[in-house]
Every structure is written in C-alpha cells, then in structure tokens.
Amino acid sequence: MLLSKKHINTKEEEFDRQTNLYEQKGGVRLLKDVYDIKLRNGTQEEILPDFTPDFPYIASRVELDRYIGRSVPWHWHKEIELFYIENGGLEYYTPKGKIAFPSGSGGLVNSNVLHMTKPERNVKNTVQLLHIFDTSFIAGQRGSRIEQKYITPIIGAPQIEIIALYPEDPAQTQVLNSIRESFNLSEHDFGYEIKLREALSDIWFQLSAISLPLLEKKGYYDKESDKIKLMMIHIQEHYREKISIGDIAEAAFISERECFRTFHDCLHMTPAEYIKSCRLQMACHMLAKSRETITFISHACGLGSSSYFGKVFKESIGCTPGEYRQRWQDNDI
C-alpha cells in the first residue's frame, strides 16, 4: 500500500513542524544514531547497545544511507521492534515475504522474527525511528496477568510476524500518531521512565485491538525458521573458513537437498550466496571501522587473495574496497 506524494509530504511537513516546536520548548529526542548491528556469537541474535535488565529499552534513529551497505542484514531478537518511517521508504523482508513501508507508515516486528531491511529501490534519505524493548517493560514480572492476557497471545502467535500500519486507515493512523509522538519524550523530564512505559503500553493496547482478526486466524509454528537460524549461526561462526554444504546441513540436522530448499524458501538465496553476503558484510565493516590492509581483510573474511576480493567486492558493492573505505571510513559522508 503506497501513499501519494502529496500525502507523504504533508505527513513529513507536519512531523517536522511538531519536532521543531518541541525542540523550541527545550525537548530532547532520546534517539541513538545507529549505522550497523552486532550479532551475538552462538545465537546470532542482535546485540542491543545500552540495553540493561533494570531498563530493557532503547530508542534509535537509523539513517539507511549512512548504514554500512545501505541495508540491515538478516537477524532476529526476542525484544519487540516498534518503528516509524520518518522519511524515505523501507522494505522489511521475512521468510514469508516483503512488506513496503513508505514515509509516514510504521509497524511492529514480533519477538524472534527473522528479518532484514533495506531502502525501497531508488529511494534516498530513508530515516527510521525505533523503539526496541523487552515485553517485561510493559507487562511487569513474568507470568503476570497483563502478560498472560495481552502480551503472550501476540508474541506467541506464529501468524503475526509484522503488524504493518498505514495512515490511510483511520484506526491505524491513531496508532501511528501515538508511535510518532512517543519519540518526543525526553529522558531529562521528571517521570520519563513512567511516561515512556505509559506510552508504549497505550500503543500496545491499540495494537492488540488491531491484531484481533489476525489472532483469530489459525497459525502454525514454522520449523523452517529454526532450521535456517541454525544454519545461519554456523555460517556466521565459520565464514572465515572453507564451508561445505554438508557442514551447513549438518548444523540443522537435515539433508543437503533440504538445506538448499530451506535457504531458497526463507532467504530467497542459495547457501553459497548467503556465505558470500556474510563475508562481504564483514569486509564492509572492517573497511569502514579498521585500519587493516585490504589484503589482511580479504583473508580475514574468507575471501582469499586481494585480487579475487577486489573482483567479488566490485561486482557486489559497485566499487573497489579502497573506494569503499575512502567513502565510509568514520561514517564521514
């Protein structure tokens, strides 16, 4: 579902107007700028910076044009991802398909859902605002009545991977307004933590009402998701080495044939293509964040000689490793 250009511009102008008014009043938007993600060894879950047990929540602002590779690679996390597209357009991919989110839209990514994102084709300056939080932040202690009645039915519903929200629907517009306004809360205000929990609880309540038709549909637990995660973990842990299809399949206790099928069905690529993408992703990170030589990086990422590395890198990224480093070093674009 796409919005007209006139409608999108109106939404952007209104958001800018409200943001400027808020800042003039001394408000501070508590958003951490993020340009890449780190994955936890052994599970390949995303590591969330500044995420603490006593306050399991972070807010971030993602500028996809400044993101290494201009995309967020396949990953998952048990925490809820609540987002709003401030500018541009973003595509979310899950094993079940793709959903486009233009400026002014938003949504929720459910717990432990495998996903990746990238800007819509030919769209620049995509900016995404994110709340990422553990459900205990709004449910209280584990096993509480709130958790049982309002949280578990949603996070335990396999048919709900992403709840997409678009401003053309009046009910969804109300939720989008609540999400957008929640990013204007300031940690410097008295009672910030309580106000934030109240805002997220209200958003969750609205989402619960919207998700009722989805909850009535029968869902089934997708074992393919577990298999692909096990194989992704194995590749991420061994991308520096030579990896055979047999090794990958064995990690998920399946045949090589099923390995190929699972990669095709879930990630829409072959195991070899995923291995290459992991190696190139790490190479991009090292080029941007380290001073190591290109020869060192090519071997460290499992891409062999520097000449082969340069050839593969240019075919996939569109520039040489040296040009990429010059452009992205210290995120100075």
Foldseek 3Di string as FASTA:
>chain_A
DDDDPVVLVVLLVVLVVVVVVLVVVVFDQQAAEDQAWDADAPQRATDDPPQDPVFRKHKHKYFLVLHLLSKYDKHFAQWKKWKAWNAAKKWKAWLVGIDIDHHLKIWIFAGGTTIMMHGDPPIHRTMMIIMTGHCCLQQPDPPGPCCVPQNCLQNVFQLPGMDIADCVDPLSVVLSVLVSVLSRQHPPDPPSSVVNSVSVNVSSVSVSVVCVVVSPDDGDDDVLSVLVSQLLSVLLVALLHDDDLCNSQVSSPHDSVVQQVSCCSTVVDGPVVSSVVSLLSQLSVCLQEHPDDLQVSCNRSNNDGSVSVQVVNCVPSVHGSVVSSVCRHVSPD
